[in-house]
Protein backbone atom coordinates (compact mmCIF):
# COMPACT_ATOMS: atom_id res chain seq x y z
CA MET A 1 69.23 1.77 -47.70
CA PHE A 2 66.98 2.56 -44.71
CA GLU A 3 69.92 2.89 -42.34
CA GLY A 4 68.62 3.22 -38.79
CA PHE A 5 65.15 1.91 -39.69
CA ALA A 6 63.66 -1.10 -37.92
CA ARG A 7 62.71 -4.05 -40.11
CA HIS A 8 59.48 -5.98 -39.63
CA THR A 9 57.77 -9.08 -40.93
CA VAL A 10 54.16 -8.65 -39.88
CA ASP A 11 51.82 -11.65 -39.85
CA VAL A 12 48.44 -10.22 -40.85
CA GLY A 13 46.64 -13.56 -41.08
CA PRO A 14 46.55 -14.81 -44.65
CA VAL A 15 49.90 -13.22 -45.57
CA ARG A 16 53.06 -11.78 -44.10
CA ILE A 17 53.97 -8.21 -44.97
CA ASN A 18 57.52 -6.92 -45.16
CA ALA A 19 57.96 -3.41 -43.76
CA VAL A 20 60.45 -0.93 -42.32
CA SER A 21 59.86 1.93 -39.90
CA GLY A 22 61.81 4.85 -38.53
CA GLY A 23 61.48 8.24 -36.90
CA SER A 24 59.02 9.49 -34.29
CA GLY A 25 55.84 11.51 -34.25
CA PRO A 26 52.58 11.16 -36.20
CA ALA A 27 52.65 8.25 -38.61
CA ILE A 28 52.99 8.25 -42.39
CA LEU A 29 52.56 5.05 -44.41
CA LEU A 30 54.31 4.95 -47.80
CA LEU A 31 53.18 2.39 -50.38
CA HIS A 32 55.12 1.61 -53.55
CA GLY A 33 53.89 1.10 -57.10
CA TYR A 34 54.37 -1.32 -59.98
CA PRO A 35 56.84 -2.85 -60.68
CA GLN A 36 58.66 -1.80 -57.54
CA THR A 37 59.15 -2.52 -53.86
CA LEU A 38 59.32 -0.53 -50.65
CA GLU A 39 62.84 0.52 -51.70
CA GLN A 40 61.11 3.09 -53.90
CA TRP A 41 60.87 5.20 -50.74
CA ALA A 42 64.45 4.65 -49.55
CA TYR A 43 65.48 8.26 -50.21
CA VAL A 44 62.13 9.85 -49.34
CA ALA A 45 61.44 8.26 -45.96
CA PRO A 46 64.60 9.47 -44.15
CA LEU A 47 63.72 13.06 -45.04
CA LEU A 48 60.50 12.80 -43.02
CA THR A 49 61.73 11.09 -39.86
CA ASP A 50 62.59 14.38 -38.14
CA GLU A 51 58.86 14.99 -37.66
CA PHE A 52 57.05 11.73 -38.39
CA THR A 53 57.16 8.00 -37.80
CA VAL A 54 57.51 6.65 -41.33
CA VAL A 55 56.44 3.13 -42.32
CA CYS A 56 57.22 1.69 -45.76
CA ALA A 57 55.76 -1.68 -46.72
CA ASP A 58 55.81 -4.12 -49.61
CA LEU A 59 52.34 -4.74 -50.97
CA ARG A 60 50.95 -8.27 -50.98
CA GLY A 61 52.48 -10.00 -54.01
CA TYR A 62 55.52 -7.71 -54.22
CA GLY A 63 59.01 -7.55 -52.77
CA ARG A 64 59.46 -9.66 -49.65
CA SER A 65 55.76 -9.85 -48.78
CA SER A 66 53.79 -13.05 -49.28
CA LYS A 67 52.56 -13.97 -52.74
CA PRO A 68 49.49 -16.13 -52.15
CA GLU A 69 47.95 -18.33 -54.80
CA GLY A 70 44.66 -17.23 -56.27
CA GLU A 71 42.94 -14.54 -58.28
CA GLY A 72 40.19 -11.98 -57.81
CA GLU A 73 39.59 -10.96 -54.20
CA VAL A 74 42.96 -12.40 -53.16
CA TYR A 75 44.71 -9.54 -54.97
CA SER A 76 42.04 -6.86 -54.67
CA PHE A 77 42.95 -3.41 -53.45
CA ARG A 78 40.56 -4.11 -50.56
CA ALA A 79 42.64 -7.11 -49.46
CA MET A 80 45.87 -5.17 -49.88
CA ALA A 81 44.47 -2.24 -47.89
CA ALA A 82 43.40 -4.59 -45.10
CA ASP A 83 46.96 -5.96 -44.99
CA GLN A 84 48.39 -2.50 -44.49
CA LEU A 85 45.82 -1.52 -41.87
CA ALA A 86 46.87 -4.63 -39.94
CA VAL A 87 50.52 -3.61 -40.27
CA MET A 88 49.74 -0.21 -38.80
CA ASP A 89 47.76 -1.88 -36.00
CA GLU A 90 50.74 -4.09 -35.21
CA LEU A 91 53.08 -1.09 -35.15
CA GLY A 92 50.72 0.89 -32.91
CA HIS A 93 49.38 3.56 -35.28
CA GLU A 94 45.65 4.16 -35.01
CA THR A 95 45.58 7.03 -37.53
CA PHE A 96 48.08 8.05 -40.17
CA VAL A 97 48.75 9.80 -43.45
CA VAL A 98 48.97 7.35 -46.35
CA ALA A 99 50.87 8.20 -49.53
CA GLY A 100 50.90 5.69 -52.34
CA HIS A 101 52.49 5.70 -55.77
CA ASP A 102 50.88 3.96 -58.75
CA ARG A 103 49.31 0.69 -57.44
CA GLY A 104 50.09 1.86 -53.93
CA GLY A 105 47.99 4.96 -54.58
CA ARG A 106 45.04 2.75 -55.49
CA VAL A 107 45.50 0.70 -52.34
CA ALA A 108 45.61 3.95 -50.37
CA HIS A 109 42.38 5.18 -52.00
CA ARG A 110 40.58 1.93 -51.19
CA MET A 111 41.92 2.10 -47.62
CA ALA A 112 40.49 5.60 -47.20
CA LEU A 113 37.12 4.43 -48.55
CA ASP A 114 36.98 1.34 -46.34
CA ALA A 115 38.46 2.88 -43.16
CA PRO A 116 38.19 6.69 -43.38
CA GLU A 117 38.47 6.99 -39.61
CA ARG A 118 42.03 5.62 -39.83
CA VAL A 119 43.35 7.84 -42.64
CA SER A 120 44.13 11.43 -41.67
CA ALA A 121 45.25 12.36 -45.20
CA LEU A 122 45.39 10.63 -48.58
CA VAL A 123 48.28 11.40 -50.94
CA PRO A 124 47.81 9.52 -54.24
CA CYS A 125 50.96 9.87 -56.35
CA ASP A 126 50.64 10.06 -60.14
CA VAL A 127 47.31 8.24 -60.33
CA VAL A 128 43.67 8.96 -60.96
CA PRO A 129 40.98 6.70 -59.46
CA THR A 130 40.89 3.23 -61.00
CA TRP A 131 37.34 3.77 -62.23
CA ALA A 132 38.55 6.66 -64.38
CA MET A 133 41.27 4.51 -65.95
CA TYR A 134 38.72 2.10 -67.40
CA HIS A 135 35.90 4.51 -68.25
CA GLY A 136 36.05 7.11 -70.98
CA VAL A 137 38.95 5.26 -72.59
CA ASP A 138 40.01 6.57 -75.99
CA ARG A 139 42.63 5.42 -78.46
CA GLU A 140 45.45 7.47 -76.95
CA ARG A 141 44.79 6.35 -73.38
CA ALA A 142 44.57 2.71 -74.45
CA ALA A 143 47.84 2.95 -76.38
CA ARG A 144 49.72 4.75 -73.63
CA TYR A 145 48.42 2.51 -70.83
CA TRP A 146 48.63 -0.77 -72.71
CA GLN A 147 49.73 -2.65 -69.56
CA TRP A 148 46.21 -2.19 -68.20
CA TYR A 149 44.95 -4.44 -71.00
CA PHE A 150 47.92 -6.80 -71.36
CA LEU A 151 48.49 -7.78 -67.72
CA PRO A 152 44.86 -8.80 -67.00
CA LEU A 153 44.84 -11.32 -69.88
CA PRO A 154 44.16 -14.90 -68.73
CA PRO A 155 47.10 -16.80 -67.24
CA PRO A 156 49.66 -17.90 -68.12
CA PHE A 157 49.90 -15.68 -71.22
CA PRO A 158 51.36 -12.47 -69.73
CA GLU A 159 53.35 -14.41 -67.15
CA ARG A 160 55.08 -16.47 -69.83
CA LEU A 161 55.90 -13.46 -72.00
CA ILE A 162 57.26 -11.40 -69.12
CA GLY A 163 59.13 -14.35 -67.66
CA GLY A 164 61.08 -14.83 -70.88
CA ASP A 165 63.12 -11.69 -70.13
CA PRO A 166 61.86 -9.92 -67.00
CA ASP A 167 64.66 -7.34 -66.93
CA TYR A 168 63.85 -6.22 -70.47
CA TYR A 169 60.13 -5.99 -69.77
CA PHE A 170 60.27 -4.23 -66.42
CA GLU A 171 63.12 -1.89 -67.32
CA ASN A 172 61.08 -0.87 -70.35
CA CYS A 173 58.23 -0.01 -67.96
CA LEU A 174 60.55 2.17 -65.90
CA VAL A 175 61.96 4.01 -68.91
CA THR A 176 58.82 4.51 -71.01
CA ASN A 177 56.70 5.60 -68.04
CA GLY A 178 59.46 7.37 -66.17
CA GLY A 179 60.46 9.93 -68.77
CA THR A 180 64.16 9.29 -68.20
CA GLY A 181 66.83 6.66 -68.68
CA LEU A 182 67.59 4.03 -66.06
CA GLU A 183 70.87 5.58 -64.96
CA GLU A 184 69.45 9.11 -64.75
CA GLY A 185 66.23 8.15 -63.00
CA PHE A 186 67.06 5.32 -60.63
CA ARG A 187 69.87 4.72 -58.17
CA PRO A 188 71.84 1.48 -58.67
CA GLU A 189 70.90 0.07 -55.29
CA GLN A 190 67.20 0.65 -55.95
CA LEU A 191 67.43 -0.98 -59.36
CA GLU A 192 69.17 -3.95 -57.77
CA ALA A 193 66.29 -4.34 -55.30
CA TYR A 194 63.69 -4.07 -58.06
CA ARG A 195 65.48 -6.58 -60.30
CA SER A 196 65.86 -9.04 -57.46
CA ALA A 197 62.11 -8.84 -56.86
CA TRP A 198 60.83 -8.99 -60.42
CA ARG A 199 63.08 -11.88 -61.42
CA ASP A 200 61.01 -14.05 -59.07
CA PRO A 201 58.33 -15.89 -61.12
CA GLU A 202 56.01 -15.67 -58.12
CA MET A 203 56.18 -11.87 -58.19
CA ILE A 204 55.38 -11.92 -61.91
CA ARG A 205 52.39 -14.17 -61.26
CA ALA A 206 51.18 -12.07 -58.34
CA SER A 207 51.53 -8.76 -60.17
CA CYS A 208 49.47 -10.08 -63.07
CA ALA A 209 46.84 -11.23 -60.57
CA ASP A 210 46.90 -7.70 -59.12
CA TYR A 211 46.05 -6.23 -62.53
CA ARG A 212 43.38 -8.87 -63.18
CA ALA A 213 41.73 -7.88 -59.93
CA GLY A 214 42.00 -4.24 -60.97
CA ALA A 215 40.02 -4.97 -64.12
CA THR A 216 37.33 -7.03 -62.34
CA VAL A 217 36.62 -7.12 -58.61
CA ASP A 218 38.19 -3.73 -57.91
CA LEU A 219 35.83 -2.13 -60.41
CA GLU A 220 32.92 -3.88 -58.68
CA HIS A 221 34.04 -2.44 -55.35
CA ASP A 222 34.44 1.00 -56.93
CA ALA A 223 31.00 0.83 -58.55
CA ALA A 224 29.46 0.29 -55.13
CA ASP A 225 31.17 3.48 -53.87
CA LEU A 226 30.55 5.83 -56.78
CA ASP A 227 28.05 7.84 -54.74
CA VAL A 228 30.46 8.20 -51.82
CA LEU A 229 32.22 11.56 -51.55
CA LEU A 230 35.27 10.81 -49.45
CA GLU A 231 35.75 13.28 -46.59
CA VAL A 232 39.41 12.42 -45.99
CA PRO A 233 41.61 15.40 -47.04
CA THR A 234 43.16 14.36 -50.35
CA PHE A 235 46.32 15.74 -51.93
CA PRO A 236 47.00 14.21 -55.35
CA VAL A 237 50.55 14.70 -56.60
CA TRP A 238 51.78 14.20 -60.15
CA GLY A 239 54.97 14.51 -62.13
CA ALA A 240 55.30 17.74 -64.10
CA GLU A 241 56.96 15.85 -66.96
CA GLY A 242 54.77 12.76 -66.66
CA LEU A 243 52.21 11.28 -69.02
CA LEU A 244 49.21 11.31 -66.69
CA LYS A 245 48.67 15.07 -66.73
CA ASP A 246 48.45 15.02 -70.54
CA LEU A 247 45.61 12.49 -70.56
CA PHE A 248 43.58 13.44 -67.48
CA ASP A 249 42.56 16.50 -65.50
CA ILE A 250 44.01 14.85 -62.41
CA GLU A 251 42.67 17.22 -59.78
CA ALA A 252 39.20 17.18 -61.34
CA GLU A 253 39.12 13.37 -61.31
CA TRP A 254 39.86 13.35 -57.60
CA ARG A 255 37.28 16.06 -56.92
CA ARG A 256 34.64 13.72 -58.33
CA ARG A 257 35.46 11.26 -55.52
CA CYS A 258 36.72 13.40 -52.63
CA ALA A 259 35.37 16.45 -50.81
CA HIS A 260 38.66 18.17 -49.89
CA VAL A 261 41.20 18.11 -52.73
CA VAL A 262 44.35 20.15 -53.30
CA GLY A 263 46.59 19.00 -56.14
CA ARG A 264 50.33 19.51 -56.40
CA THR A 265 53.01 18.89 -59.01
CA VAL A 266 56.63 17.90 -58.54
CA PRO A 267 59.48 17.78 -61.07
CA GLY A 268 60.01 14.50 -62.88
CA GLY A 269 57.98 11.85 -64.64
CA HIS A 270 55.82 9.03 -63.33
CA PHE A 271 58.51 7.71 -60.99
CA PHE A 272 59.17 11.00 -59.23
CA PRO A 273 59.65 9.38 -55.78
CA ASP A 274 62.80 7.77 -57.23
CA GLN A 275 63.82 10.78 -59.31
CA GLN A 276 62.96 13.63 -56.93
CA PRO A 277 63.01 12.38 -53.33
CA GLU A 278 63.45 15.83 -51.78
CA ALA A 279 60.49 17.34 -53.64
CA THR A 280 58.41 14.24 -52.94
CA ALA A 281 59.13 14.37 -49.22
CA GLU A 282 58.22 18.05 -49.13
CA VAL A 283 54.79 17.58 -50.73
CA ILE A 284 54.01 14.70 -48.36
CA ARG A 285 55.07 16.82 -45.39
CA SER A 286 52.93 19.71 -46.64
CA ALA A 287 49.96 17.38 -47.11
CA ALA A 288 50.26 16.16 -43.52
CA HIS A 289 50.34 19.75 -42.24
CA ASP A 290 47.47 20.89 -44.46
CA ALA A 291 45.31 17.92 -43.49
CA ALA A 292 45.75 18.77 -39.84
CA ALA A 293 44.54 22.30 -40.58
CA VAL A 294 41.49 20.99 -42.48
CA ARG A 295 40.56 18.75 -39.56
CA ALA A 296 41.17 21.43 -36.90
């Protein structure tokens, strides 16, 4: 995977971030979701390198990036966004499009809020803002998104349960949220990369800390920004066969937080970057072009 891409380990101060980059032209940063790694973008990124410099990075706590001890701010989306801004500094990209799936989409949103001058377009993939996930919750949303209430439980409860059989737990996440079986939805080499990552107890610990931050300090950060209407052109994308569209008016949720919003759908479920790389690359390319027109 990522043949012809350069590999980087970027020291951003408190942590080291694992990343790959390839192509030339304006920059696009691709951020993976839970429970995955940068290999989620292995079949999307090469489709964009004809026109863009593409950077894919493991989030703090995931893949080959550092997994620091601690809770709260250590795993906040703000800290993760700062990591990725430092990566783009190191690689020489002052401004860029950022597309993020799942947790990566939340990091991308926080990045656009904290550094809007750096983000030329925001492409959140199959997410609504974190604030919306925890407010207006009803029985169906709570049942469908049970991980949002299980993973933030005090340590070591979720860590111990997941660690007993990580393949069973995480593969269940991929299948129940993905809308397809493992073999149909995920390439063997990607699954191998994901399994290698999630079998590490430190990744399990860090990912739980990520969700604990999402239920605490991230909501505090979001509360402080509720009156901010983000001016960065925003292009939410969601899976046509996914769960999210059944429980939220996705485009409307983003319009509450962003001034310029155009939503798009792609075939597939929640994990459409794995399932539909060509369609995913096309909507990211279109978002980059459309954002340039908005800013012209």
